[in-house]
PDB file of N, CA and C in Angstrom:
ATOM      1  N   MET A   1      35.156 112.860 166.027  1.00  0.00           N
ATOM      2  CA  MET A   1      35.044 113.473 167.299  1.00  0.00           C
ATOM      3  C   MET A   1      33.605 112.914 167.733  1.00  0.00           C
ATOM      4  N   ALA A   2      33.325 112.593 168.756  1.00  0.00           N
ATOM      5  CA  ALA A   2      32.056 112.366 169.316  1.00  0.00           C
ATOM      6  C   ALA A   2      31.309 113.487 169.055  1.00  0.00           C
ATOM      7  N   LYS A   3      29.748 112.871 168.488  1.00  0.00           N
ATOM      8  CA  LYS A   3      29.034 114.378 168.515  1.00  0.00           C
ATOM      9  C   LYS A   3      28.306 114.706 170.124  1.00  0.00           C
ATOM     10  N   GLY A   4      28.523 114.104 171.069  1.00  0.00           N
ATOM     11  CA  GLY A   4      28.081 114.153 172.495  1.00  0.00           C
ATOM     12  C   GLY A   4      29.332 114.710 173.240  1.00  0.00           C
ATOM     13  N   ASN A   5      30.731 114.596 172.915  1.00  0.00           N
ATOM     14  CA  ASN A   5      31.533 114.861 173.651  1.00  0.00           C
ATOM     15  C   ASN A   5      32.473 115.842 172.868  1.00  0.00           C
ATOM     16  N   PRO A   6      32.147 117.194 172.579  1.00  0.00           N
ATOM     17  CA  PRO A   6      32.858 118.163 171.955  1.00  0.00           C
ATOM     18  C   PRO A   6      34.097 118.392 172.423  1.00  0.00           C
ATOM     19  N   PRO A   7      35.264 118.762 171.889  1.00  0.00           N
ATOM     20  CA  PRO A   7      36.600 119.028 172.747  1.00  0.00           C
ATOM     21  C   PRO A   7      36.356 120.579 173.464  1.00  0.00           C
ATOM     22  N   PRO A   8      37.124 120.461 174.631  1.00  0.00           N
ATOM     23  CA  PRO A   8      37.144 121.770 174.928  1.00  0.00           C
ATOM     24  C   PRO A   8      37.502 123.048 174.070  1.00  0.00           C
ATOM     25  N   LEU A   9      37.176 124.013 174.089  1.00  0.00           N
ATOM     26  CA  LEU A   9      37.623 125.153 173.155  1.00  0.00           C
ATOM     27  C   LEU A   9      38.605 125.733 173.940  1.00  0.00           C
ATOM     28  N   THR A  10      39.704 126.520 173.380  1.00  0.00           N
ATOM     29  CA  THR A  10      40.641 127.097 173.628  1.00  0.00           C
ATOM     30  C   THR A  10      40.190 128.904 173.318  1.00  0.00           C
ATOM     31  N   PRO A  11      40.706 129.522 173.920  1.00  0.00           N
ATOM     32  CA  PRO A  11      40.019 130.852 173.566  1.00  0.00           C
ATOM     33  C   PRO A  11      40.408 131.404 172.150  1.00  0.00           C
ATOM     34  N   ALA A  12      41.451 130.993 171.554  1.00  0.00           N
ATOM     35  CA  ALA A  12      41.459 131.512 170.163  1.00  0.00           C
ATOM     36  C   ALA A  12      40.765 130.238 169.230  1.00  0.00           C
ATOM     37  N   ALA A  13      40.258 129.108 169.842  1.00  0.00           N
ATOM     38  CA  ALA A  13      39.428 128.332 168.886  1.00  0.00           C
ATOM     39  C   ALA A  13      38.138 129.107 168.965  1.00  0.00           C
ATOM     40  N   PHE A  14      37.585 129.634 170.319  1.00  0.00           N
ATOM     41  CA  PHE A  14      36.299 130.460 170.385  1.00  0.00           C
ATOM     42  C   PHE A  14      36.347 131.501 169.313  1.00  0.00           C
ATOM     43  N   GLN A  15      37.598 132.336 169.420  1.00  0.00           N
ATOM     44  CA  GLN A  15      37.659 133.269 168.489  1.00  0.00           C
ATOM     45  C   GLN A  15      37.307 133.432 166.928  1.00  0.00           C
ATOM     46  N   VAL A  16      38.012 132.195 166.536  1.00  0.00           N
ATOM     47  CA  VAL A  16      37.979 131.813 165.066  1.00  0.00           C
ATOM     48  C   VAL A  16      36.348 131.274 165.039  1.00  0.00           C
ATOM     49  N   LEU A  17      35.875 130.348 165.515  1.00  0.00           N
ATOM     50  CA  LEU A  17      34.224 129.746 165.732  1.00  0.00           C
ATOM     51  C   LEU A  17      33.912 131.381 165.472  1.00  0.00           C
ATOM     52  N   LEU A  18      34.053 132.314 166.175  1.00  0.00           N
ATOM     53  CA  LEU A  18      33.219 133.812 166.253  1.00  0.00           C
ATOM     54  C   LEU A  18      33.523 134.532 165.241  1.00  0.00           C
ATOM     55  N   ALA A  19      34.409 134.461 165.034  1.00  0.00           N
ATOM     56  CA  ALA A  19      34.552 135.402 163.457  1.00  0.00           C
ATOM     57  C   ALA A  19      34.033 134.658 162.548  1.00  0.00           C
ATOM     58  N   LEU A  20      33.940 133.210 162.306  1.00  0.00           N
ATOM     59  CA  LEU A  20      33.331 132.466 161.192  1.00  0.00           C
ATOM     60  C   LEU A  20      31.580 132.476 161.233  1.00  0.00           C
ATOM     61  N   ALA A  21      30.913 132.947 162.475  1.00  0.00           N
ATOM     62  CA  ALA A  21      29.828 132.800 162.210  1.00  0.00           C
ATOM     63  C   ALA A  21      29.355 134.196 161.799  1.00  0.00           C
ATOM     64  N   ARG A  22      30.118 135.000 161.752  1.00  0.00           N
ATOM     65  CA  ARG A  22      29.828 136.120 161.036  1.00  0.00           C
ATOM     66  C   ARG A  22      30.057 135.860 159.411  1.00  0.00           C
ATOM     67  N   GLY A  23      30.464 135.208 159.058  1.00  0.00           N
ATOM     68  CA  GLY A  23      30.511 134.540 157.523  1.00  0.00           C
ATOM     69  C   GLY A  23      31.525 133.896 157.308  1.00  0.00           C
ATOM     70  N   ARG A  24      31.689 133.228 155.992  1.00  0.00           N
ATOM     71  CA  ARG A  24      33.234 132.660 155.634  1.00  0.00           C
ATOM     72  C   ARG A  24      34.029 133.896 155.503  1.00  0.00           C
ATOM     73  N   ALA A  25      35.116 133.211 155.795  1.00  0.00           N
ATOM     74  CA  ALA A  25      36.458 134.486 155.865  1.00  0.00           C
ATOM     75  C   ALA A  25      38.043 133.316 155.826  1.00  0.00           C
ATOM     76  N   HIS A  26      38.893 134.132 155.310  1.00  0.00           N
ATOM     77  CA  HIS A  26      39.961 133.617 154.957  1.00  0.00           C
ATOM     78  C   HIS A  26      41.177 134.000 156.373  1.00  0.00           C
ATOM     79  N   GLY A  27      42.011 133.466 156.470  1.00  0.00           N
ATOM     80  CA  GLY A  27      42.938 133.811 157.600  1.00  0.00           C
ATOM     81  C   GLY A  27      43.340 135.041 158.125  1.00  0.00           C
ATOM     82  N   TYR A  28      43.681 135.995 157.203  1.00  0.00           N
ATOM     83  CA  TYR A  28      43.911 137.468 157.559  1.00  0.00           C
ATOM     84  C   TYR A  28      42.890 138.149 157.894  1.00  0.00           C
ATOM     85  N   GLY A  29      41.658 137.518 157.288  1.00  0.00           N
ATOM     86  CA  GLY A  29      40.431 138.518 157.940  1.00  0.00           C
ATOM     87  C   GLY A  29      39.917 137.676 158.997  1.00  0.00           C
ATOM     88  N   ILE A  30      40.264 136.615 159.785  1.00  0.00           N
ATOM     89  CA  ILE A  30      40.063 135.974 160.915  1.00  0.00           C
ATOM     90  C   ILE A  30      40.582 136.686 162.044  1.00  0.00           C
ATOM     91  N   MET A  31      42.120 137.205 161.537  1.00  0.00           N
ATOM     92  CA  MET A  31      43.097 137.548 162.148  1.00  0.00           C
ATOM     93  C   MET A  31      42.489 139.093 162.710  1.00  0.00           C
ATOM     94  N   GLY A  32      42.203 139.816 161.846  1.00  0.00           N
ATOM     95  CA  GLY A  32      41.853 141.215 161.525  1.00  0.00           C
ATOM     96  C   GLY A  32      40.713 141.664 162.688  1.00  0.00           C
ATOM     97  N   PHE A  33      39.537 140.346 162.383  1.00  0.00           N
ATOM     98  CA  PHE A  33      38.406 140.443 163.151  1.00  0.00           C
ATOM     99  C   PHE A  33      38.670 140.514 164.608  1.00  0.00           C
ATOM    100  N   VAL A  34      39.594 139.565 165.144  1.00  0.00           N
ATOM    101  CA  VAL A  34      39.678 139.510 166.536  1.00  0.00           C
ATOM    102  C   VAL A  34      40.937 140.592 166.846  1.00  0.00           C
ATOM    103  N   THR A  35      41.439 140.990 166.495  1.00  0.00           N
ATOM    104  CA  THR A  35      42.136 142.437 166.888  1.00  0.00           C
ATOM    105  C   THR A  35      41.270 143.472 167.031  1.00  0.00           C
ATOM    106  N   GLU A  36      40.416 143.641 165.882  1.00  0.00           N
ATOM    107  CA  GLU A  36      39.425 144.649 165.914  1.00  0.00           C
ATOM    108  C   GLU A  36      38.467 144.464 167.343  1.00  0.00           C
ATOM    109  N   LEU A  37      38.121 143.203 167.286  1.00  0.00           N
ATOM    110  CA  LEU A  37      37.021 142.891 168.601  1.00  0.00           C
ATOM    111  C   LEU A  37      37.671 143.102 169.692  1.00  0.00           C
ATOM    112  N   THR A  38      38.965 142.666 169.872  1.00  0.00           N
ATOM    113  CA  THR A  38      39.814 142.857 171.428  1.00  0.00           C
ATOM    114  C   THR A  38      40.229 144.236 171.586  1.00  0.00           C
ATOM    115  N   ASP A  39      40.307 145.372 170.634  1.00  0.00           N
ATOM    116  CA  ASP A  39      40.965 146.178 170.679  1.00  0.00           C
ATOM    117  C   ASP A  39      42.313 146.306 170.776  1.00  0.00           C
ATOM    118  N   GLY A  40      42.805 145.210 169.865  1.00  0.00           N
ATOM    119  CA  GLY A  40      44.456 145.010 170.282  1.00  0.00           C
ATOM    120  C   GLY A  40      44.738 144.305 171.025  1.00  0.00           C
ATOM    121  N   SER A  41      44.067 143.854 171.968  1.00  0.00           N
ATOM    122  CA  SER A  41      44.661 143.153 173.179  1.00  0.00           C
ATOM    123  C   SER A  41      45.049 141.434 172.826  1.00  0.00           C
ATOM    124  N   VAL A  42      44.156 141.233 171.977  1.00  0.00           N
ATOM    125  CA  VAL A  42      44.533 139.619 171.402  1.00  0.00           C
ATOM    126  C   VAL A  42      44.787 139.814 170.149  1.00  0.00           C
ATOM    127  N   GLN A  43      46.075 139.244 169.616  1.00  0.00           N
ATOM    128  CA  GLN A  43      46.363 139.242 168.093  1.00  0.00           C
ATOM    129  C   GLN A  43      46.715 137.659 167.706  1.00  0.00           C
ATOM    130  N   LEU A  44      46.062 136.897 167.145  1.00  0.00           N
ATOM    131  CA  LEU A  44      46.168 135.951 166.747  1.00  0.00           C
ATOM    132  C   LEU A  44      47.146 135.661 165.527  1.00  0.00           C
ATOM    133  N   GLY A  45      48.364 135.075 166.042  1.00  0.00           N
ATOM    134  CA  GLY A  45      49.600 135.063 164.911  1.00  0.00           C
ATOM    135  C   GLY A  45      49.216 134.017 163.965  1.00  0.00           C
ATOM    136  N   PRO A  46      50.229 134.074 163.031  1.00  0.00           N
ATOM    137  CA  PRO A  46      49.803 132.862 161.768  1.00  0.00           C
ATOM    138  C   PRO A  46      49.609 131.637 162.337  1.00  0.00           C
ATOM    139  N   GLY A  47      51.006 131.319 163.152  1.00  0.00           N
ATOM    140  CA  GLY A  47      50.968 129.857 163.477  1.00  0.00           C
ATOM    141  C   GLY A  47      49.798 129.497 164.101  1.00  0.00           C
ATOM    142  N   THR A  48      49.528 130.356 165.299  1.00  0.00           N
ATOM    143  CA  THR A  48      48.282 129.821 166.208  1.00  0.00           C
ATOM    144  C   THR A  48      47.034 129.580 165.603  1.00  0.00           C
ATOM    145  N   LEU A  49      46.941 130.836 164.362  1.00  0.00           N
ATOM    146  CA  LEU A  49      45.396 130.460 163.819  1.00  0.00           C
ATOM    147  C   LEU A  49      45.550 129.455 162.823  1.00  0.00           C
ATOM    148  N   TYR A  50      46.395 128.944 162.095  1.00  0.00           N
ATOM    149  CA  TYR A  50      46.407 127.872 161.413  1.00  0.00           C
ATOM    150  C   TYR A  50      46.385 126.699 161.966  1.00  0.00           C
ATOM    151  N   ARG A  51      47.190 126.752 162.772  1.00  0.00           N
ATOM    152  CA  ARG A  51      47.307 125.299 164.077  1.00  0.00           C
ATOM    153  C   ARG A  51      45.628 125.018 164.579  1.00  0.00           C
ATOM    154  N   THR A  52      45.053 126.387 165.324  1.00  0.00           N
ATOM    155  CA  THR A  52      43.666 126.507 165.399  1.00  0.00           C
ATOM    156  C   THR A  52      42.621 125.717 164.397  1.00  0.00           C
ATOM    157  N   LEU A  53      42.807 126.759 163.282  1.00  0.00           N
ATOM    158  CA  LEU A  53      42.129 126.174 161.946  1.00  0.00           C
ATOM    159  C   LEU A  53      41.927 124.506 161.489  1.00  0.00           C
ATOM    160  N   SER A  54      43.107 123.983 161.842  1.00  0.00           N
ATOM    161  CA  SER A  54      43.728 122.843 161.447  1.00  0.00           C
ATOM    162  C   SER A  54      42.829 121.560 162.585  1.00  0.00           C
ATOM    163  N   ARG A  55      42.972 122.105 163.850  1.00  0.00           N
ATOM    164  CA  ARG A  55      42.398 121.290 164.731  1.00  0.00           C
ATOM    165  C   ARG A  55      40.669 121.460 164.678  1.00  0.00           C
ATOM    166  N   LEU A  56      40.375 122.801 164.450  1.00  0.00           N
ATOM    167  CA  LEU A  56      38.946 122.682 164.183  1.00  0.00           C
ATOM    168  C   LEU A  56      38.344 122.268 163.267  1.00  0.00           C
ATOM    169  N   ALA A  57      38.948 121.891 162.029  1.00  0.00           N
ATOM    170  CA  ALA A  57      39.017 121.117 160.752  1.00  0.00           C
ATOM    171  C   ALA A  57      38.922 119.765 161.064  1.00  0.00           C
ATOM    172  N   ALA A  58      40.140 119.337 161.725  1.00  0.00           N
ATOM    173  CA  ALA A  58      40.046 117.711 162.092  1.00  0.00           C
ATOM    174  C   ALA A  58      38.678 117.199 163.077  1.00  0.00           C
ATOM    175  N   ASP A  59      38.251 118.579 163.995  1.00  0.00           N
ATOM    176  CA  ASP A  59      37.256 118.173 164.692  1.00  0.00           C
ATOM    177  C   ASP A  59      35.621 118.402 163.840  1.00  0.00           C
ATOM    178  N   GLY A  60      35.748 118.705 162.934  1.00  0.00           N
ATOM    179  CA  GLY A  60      34.555 118.740 162.248  1.00  0.00           C
ATOM    180  C   GLY A  60      33.762 119.831 162.167  1.00  0.00           C
ATOM    181  N   LEU A  61      34.378 121.169 162.936  1.00  0.00           N
ATOM    182  CA  LEU A  61      33.914 122.138 163.645  1.00  0.00           C
ATOM    183  C   LEU A  61      34.046 123.461 162.263  1.00  0.00           C
ATOM    184  N   VAL A  62      34.885 123.137 161.348  1.00  0.00           N
ATOM    185  CA  VAL A  62      35.067 124.378 160.215  1.00  0.00           C
ATOM    186  C   VAL A  62      35.304 123.308 159.153  1.00  0.00           C
ATOM    187  N   GLU A  63      35.231 124.101 157.844  1.00  0.00           N
ATOM    188  CA  GLU A  63      35.923 123.420 156.736  1.00  0.00           C
ATOM    189  C   GLU A  63      36.074 124.439 155.635  1.00  0.00           C
ATOM    190  N   GLU A  64      36.628 124.231 154.533  1.00  0.00           N
ATOM    191  CA  GLU A  64      37.116 124.979 153.615  1.00  0.00           C
ATOM    192  C   GLU A  64      35.763 125.375 152.884  1.00  0.00           C
ATOM    193  N   ALA A  65      35.495 126.524 152.709  1.00  0.00           N
ATOM    194  CA  ALA A  65      34.673 127.233 151.795  1.00  0.00           C
ATOM    195  C   ALA A  65      34.888 126.744 150.621  1.00  0.00           C
ATOM    196  N   PRO A  66      33.487 126.624 150.096  1.00  0.00           N
ATOM    197  CA  PRO A  66      33.522 126.322 148.452  1.00  0.00           C
ATOM    198  C   PRO A  66      33.727 127.189 147.620  1.00  0.00           C
ATOM    199  N   ASP A  67      34.130 127.266 146.434  1.00  0.00           N
ATOM    200  CA  ASP A  67      34.675 128.298 145.459  1.00  0.00           C
ATOM    201  C   ASP A  67      34.178 129.664 146.009  1.00  0.00           C
ATOM    202  N   MET A  68      34.961 130.506 145.136  1.00  0.00           N
ATOM    203  CA  MET A  68      34.733 132.078 145.515  1.00  0.00           C
ATOM    204  C   MET A  68      33.383 132.581 144.744  1.00  0.00           C
ATOM    205  N   ARG A  69      32.835 133.310 145.035  1.00  0.00           N
ATOM    206  CA  ARG A  69      31.621 134.058 144.226  1.00  0.00           C
ATOM    207  C   ARG A  69      32.352 135.177 143.611  1.00  0.00           C
ATOM    208  N   GLU A  70      31.528 135.229 142.147  1.00  0.00           N
ATOM    209  CA  GLU A  70      32.392 136.042 141.437  1.00  0.00           C
ATOM    210  C   GLU A  70      32.573 137.469 141.826  1.00  0.00           C
ATOM    211  N   ASP A  71      31.845 137.773 142.248  1.00  0.00           N
ATOM    212  CA  ASP A  71      31.964 139.468 142.923  1.00  0.00           C
ATOM    213  C   ASP A  71      32.858 139.561 143.992  1.00  0.00           C
ATOM    214  N   GLU A  72      33.297 138.680 144.622  1.00  0.00           N
ATOM    215  CA  GLU A  72      34.302 138.823 145.540  1.00  0.00           C
ATOM    216  C   GLU A  72      35.730 138.796 144.813  1.00  0.00           C
ATOM    217  N   PRO A  73      36.653 139.380 145.361  1.00  0.00           N
ATOM    218  CA  PRO A  73      38.189 139.111 144.939  1.00  0.00           C
ATOM    219  C   PRO A  73      38.717 138.172 144.807  1.00  0.00           C
ATOM    220  N   HIS A  74      39.722 137.679 143.812  1.00  0.00           N
ATOM    221  CA  HIS A  74      40.211 136.419 144.186  1.00  0.00           C
ATOM    222  C   HIS A  74      41.671 136.168 144.243  1.00  0.00           C
ATOM    223  N   ASP A  75      42.402 135.855 145.343  1.00  0.00           N
ATOM    224  CA  ASP A  75      43.664 135.626 145.758  1.00  0.00           C
ATOM    225  C   ASP A  75      43.868 133.873 145.347  1.00  0.00           C
ATOM    226  N   ALA A  76      44.350 133.481 144.594  1.00  0.00           N
ATOM    227  CA  ALA A  76      44.323 131.773 144.821  1.00  0.00           C
ATOM    228  C   ALA A  76      45.241 131.368 145.754  1.00  0.00           C
ATOM    229  N   ARG A  77      45.964 132.132 146.650  1.00  0.00           N
ATOM    230  CA  ARG A  77      46.732 131.615 147.868  1.00  0.00           C
ATOM    231  C   ARG A  77      45.660 131.462 149.004  1.00  0.00           C
ATOM    232  N   ARG A  78      44.662 132.094 148.817  1.00  0.00           N
ATOM    233  CA  ARG A  78      43.838 132.372 149.959  1.00  0.00           C
ATOM    234  C   ARG A  78      42.749 131.468 150.560  1.00  0.00           C
ATOM    235  N   ARG A  79      42.744 130.744 151.471  1.00  0.00           N
ATOM    236  CA  ARG A  79      41.880 129.583 151.552  1.00  0.00           C
ATOM    237  C   ARG A  79      40.762 130.175 152.293  1.00  0.00           C
ATOM    238  N   TYR A  80      39.327 130.114 152.154  1.00  0.00           N
ATOM    239  CA  TYR A  80      38.218 130.498 153.006  1.00  0.00           C
ATOM    240  C   TYR A  80      37.863 129.463 153.701  1.00  0.00           C
ATOM    241  N   TYR A  81      37.063 129.507 154.969  1.00  0.00           N
ATOM    242  CA  TYR A  81      36.797 128.699 156.028  1.00  0.00           C
ATOM    243  C   TYR A  81      35.255 129.182 156.060  1.00  0.00           C
ATOM    244  N   GLN A  82      34.405 128.331 156.701  1.00  0.00           N
ATOM    245  CA  GLN A  82      33.573 128.535 157.472  1.00  0.00           C
ATOM    246  C   GLN A  82      32.896 127.384 158.104  1.00  0.00           C
ATOM    247  N   LEU A  83      32.039 127.835 159.214  1.00  0.00           N
ATOM    248  CA  LEU A  83      31.620 126.715 160.168  1.00  0.00           C
ATOM    249  C   LEU A  83      30.653 125.508 159.526  1.00  0.00           C
ATOM    250  N   THR A  84      30.765 124.317 160.229  1.00  0.00           N
ATOM    251  CA  THR A  84      29.981 123.485 159.658  1.00  0.00           C
ATOM    252  C   THR A  84      28.847 123.377 160.804  1.00  0.00           C
ATOM    253  N   GLU A  85      27.961 122.942 160.535  1.00  0.00           N
ATOM    254  CA  GLU A  85      26.717 122.582 161.545  1.00  0.00           C
ATOM    255  C   GLU A  85      26.907 122.422 162.879  1.00  0.00           C
ATOM    256  N   GLN A  86      28.030 121.281 162.904  1.00  0.00           N
ATOM    257  CA  GLN A  86      28.472 121.110 164.476  1.00  0.00           C
ATOM    258  C   GLN A  86      29.274 122.414 164.816  1.00  0.00           C
ATOM    259  N   GLY A  87      29.827 122.947 164.002  1.00  0.00           N
ATOM    260  CA  GLY A  87      30.950 123.981 164.274  1.00  0.00           C
ATOM    261  C   GLY A  87      29.925 125.278 165.360  1.00  0.00           C
ATOM    262  N   TRP A  88      28.452 125.190 164.416  1.00  0.00           N
ATOM    263  CA  TRP A  88      27.707 126.244 165.078  1.00  0.00           C
ATOM    264  C   TRP A  88      26.911 125.848 166.193  1.00  0.00           C
ATOM    265  N   ASP A  89      26.668 124.469 166.535  1.00  0.00           N
ATOM    266  CA  ASP A  89      26.119 124.153 167.873  1.00  0.00           C
ATOM    267  C   ASP A  89      27.277 124.237 168.980  1.00  0.00           C
ATOM    268  N   VAL A  90      28.582 124.024 168.631  1.00  0.00           N
ATOM    269  CA  VAL A  90      29.871 123.933 169.729  1.00  0.00           C
ATOM    270  C   VAL A  90      29.710 125.507 170.059  1.00  0.00           C
ATOM    271  N   ALA A  91      29.868 126.677 168.961  1.00  0.00           N
ATOM    272  CA  ALA A  91      29.810 128.055 169.215  1.00  0.00           C
ATOM    273  C   ALA A  91      29.143 128.595 170.113  1.00  0.00           C
ATOM    274  N   THR A  92      27.805 127.899 169.866  1.00  0.00           N
ATOM    275  CA  THR A  92      26.427 128.549 170.152  1.00  0.00           C
ATOM    276  C   THR A  92      26.800 127.961 171.938  1.00  0.00           C
ATOM    277  N   ARG A  93      26.995 126.899 172.184  1.00  0.00           N
ATOM    278  CA  ARG A  93      27.178 126.209 173.490  1.00  0.00           C
ATOM    279  C   ARG A  93      28.452 126.880 174.307  1.00  0.00           C
ATOM    280  N   GLU A  94      29.391 127.165 173.447  1.00  0.00           N
ATOM    281  CA  GLU A  94      30.206 128.429 174.277  1.00  0.00           C
ATOM    282  C   GLU A  94      29.658 129.601 174.559  1.00  0.00           C
ATOM    283  N   ALA A  95      29.076 130.229 173.708  1.00  0.00           N
ATOM    284  CA  ALA A  95      28.927 131.562 173.591  1.00  0.00           C
ATOM    285  C   ALA A  95      27.800 131.842 174.784  1.00  0.00           C
ATOM    286  N   ARG A  96      26.858 130.540 175.366  1.00  0.00           N
ATOM    287  CA  ARG A  96      26.143 130.558 176.200  1.00  0.00           C
ATOM    288  C   ARG A  96      26.634 130.727 177.386  1.00  0.00           C
ATOM    289  N   LEU A  97      27.796 129.650 177.342  1.00  0.00           N
ATOM    290  CA  LEU A  97      28.475 129.678 178.726  1.00  0.00           C
ATOM    291  C   LEU A  97      29.439 130.936 178.816  1.00  0.00           C
ATOM    292  N   LEU A  98      29.919 131.616 178.112  1.00  0.00           N
ATOM    293  CA  LEU A  98      30.367 132.675 178.206  1.00  0.00           C
ATOM    294  C   LEU A  98      29.303 133.671 178.964  1.00  0.00           C
ATOM    295  N   ALA A  99      28.419 133.825 178.561  1.00  0.00           N
ATOM    296  CA  ALA A  99      27.334 134.792 178.639  1.00  0.00           C
ATOM    297  C   ALA A  99      27.114 134.588 180.255  1.00  0.00           C
ATOM    298  N   ARG A 100      27.300 133.240 180.488  1.00  0.00           N
ATOM    299  CA  ARG A 100      26.638 132.760 181.843  1.00  0.00           C
ATOM    300  C   ARG A 100      27.472 133.333 182.901  1.00  0.00           C
ATOM    301  N   LEU A 101      28.744 132.855 182.366  1.00  0.00           N
ATOM    302  CA  LEU A 101      30.068 133.776 183.443  1.00  0.00           C
ATOM    303  C   LEU A 101      29.838 134.919 183.337  1.00  0.00           C
ATOM    304  N   ALA A 102      29.932 135.700 182.429  1.00  0.00           N
ATOM    305  CA  ALA A 102      29.879 137.215 182.183  1.00  0.00           C
ATOM    306  C   ALA A 102      28.625 137.725 183.146  1.00  0.00           C
ATOM    307  N   SER A 103      27.693 137.094 183.218  1.00  0.00           N
ATOM    308  CA  SER A 103      26.308 137.736 183.844  1.00  0.00           C
ATOM    309  C   SER A 103      26.818 137.266 185.705  1.00  0.00           C
ATOM    310  N   ALA A 104      27.704 136.139 185.877  1.00  0.00           N
ATOM    311  CA  ALA A 104      27.955 135.995 187.163  1.00  0.00           C
ATOM    312  C   ALA A 104      29.126 136.965 187.667  1.00  0.00           C
ATOM    313  N   ALA A 105      30.039 137.211 186.688  1.00  0.00           N
ATOM    314  CA  ALA A 105      31.033 138.274 187.161  1.00  0.00           C
ATOM    315  C   ALA A 105      30.512 139.749 187.448  1.00  0.00           C
ATOM    316  N   ALA A 106      29.415 140.020 186.541  1.00  0.00           N
ATOM    317  CA  ALA A 106      28.614 141.131 186.891  1.00  0.00           C
ATOM    318  C   ALA A 106      28.055 141.590 188.412  1.00  0.00           C
ATOM    319  N   GLU A 107      27.346 139.807 188.375  1.00  0.00           N
ATOM    320  CA  GLU A 107      26.597 139.960 189.696  1.00  0.00           C
ATOM    321  C   GLU A 107      27.564 140.039 190.829  1.00  0.00           C
ATOM    322  N   ALA A 108      28.783 139.561 190.809  1.00  0.00           N
ATOM    323  CA  ALA A 108      29.865 139.721 191.660  1.00  0.00           C
ATOM    324  C   ALA A 108      30.428 141.172 192.125  1.00  0.00           C
ATOM    325  N   GLY A 109      30.249 141.824 191.141  1.00  0.00           N
ATOM    326  CA  GLY A 109      30.653 143.208 190.763  1.00  0.00           C
ATOM    327  C   GLY A 109      32.530 143.504 190.303  1.00  0.00           C
ATOM    328  N   LEU A 110      32.374 142.268 189.793  1.00  0.00           N
ATOM    329  CA  LEU A 110      33.609 142.631 188.863  1.00  0.00           C
ATOM    330  C   LEU A 110      33.711 143.436 187.363  1.00  0.00           C
ATOM    331  N   LEU A 111      32.449 143.516 186.867  1.00  0.00           N
ATOM    332  CA  LEU A 111      32.647 144.363 185.748  1.00  0.00           C
ATOM    333  C   LEU A 111      32.408 145.743 185.971  1.00  0.00           C
ATOM    334  N   ASP A 112      32.098 146.059 187.084  1.00  0.00           N
ATOM    335  CA  ASP A 112      32.100 147.502 187.813  1.00  0.00           C
ATOM    336  C   ASP A 112      32.831 148.009 188.831  1.00  0.00           C
ATOM    337  N   ARG A 113      33.851 147.105 189.180  1.00  0.00           N
ATOM    338  CA  ARG A 113      34.995 147.283 190.027  1.00  0.00           C
ATOM    339  C   ARG A 113      35.667 148.196 189.656  1.00  0.00           C
ATOM    340  N   ARG A 114      35.850 149.064 190.847  1.00  0.00           N
ATOM    341  CA  ARG A 114      36.989 150.414 190.282  1.00  0.00           C
ATOM    342  C   ARG A 114      37.740 150.007 190.964  1.00  0.00           C
ATOM    343  N   GLU A 115      39.491 150.715 190.672  1.00  0.00           N
ATOM    344  CA  GLU A 115      40.547 150.170 191.377  1.00  0.00           C
ATOM    345  C   GLU A 115      40.510 150.941 192.807  1.00  0.00           C
ATOM    346  N   ARG A 116      40.817 149.736 193.517  1.00  0.00           N
ATOM    347  CA  ARG A 116      40.953 149.848 195.100  1.00  0.00           C
ATOM    348  C   ARG A 116      42.432 150.337 195.360  1.00  0.00           C
ATOM    349  N   SER A 117      42.379 150.912 196.192  1.00  0.00           N
ATOM    350  CA  SER A 117      43.982 151.526 196.774  1.00  0.00           C
ATOM    351  C   SER A 117      44.238 150.600 197.727  1.00  0.00           C
ATOM    352  N   ALA A 118      45.321 150.244 197.564  1.00  0.00           N
ATOM    353  CA  ALA A 118      46.050 149.658 198.443  1.00  0.00           C
ATOM    354  C   ALA A 118      46.114 149.843 200.026  1.00  0.00           C
TER     355      ALA A 118
END
């Protein structure tokens, strides 16, 4: 992937990057973070999650984390992931874009809009 031309992020990709911005995590932890963050309105299924992780890894945005620390529980089946430096850059860029969009939505009255009767 060219440095100056990062791929567009899907909502799932940004949610995974956001989860990993908090620290390395395994797939189940990422899914739980997204479900909790969205009050259950978004639930990443295993297929979506692992396809997304695979794509993010291919694009150089995430990588498998090195060996576990001794103070963490170990499960040989779990793979832990972390952001790369480029992943941080792309996640930061996307977060800033979303913040601008949310600000514009607030200015347009979309965030405080009450239900209108037809």
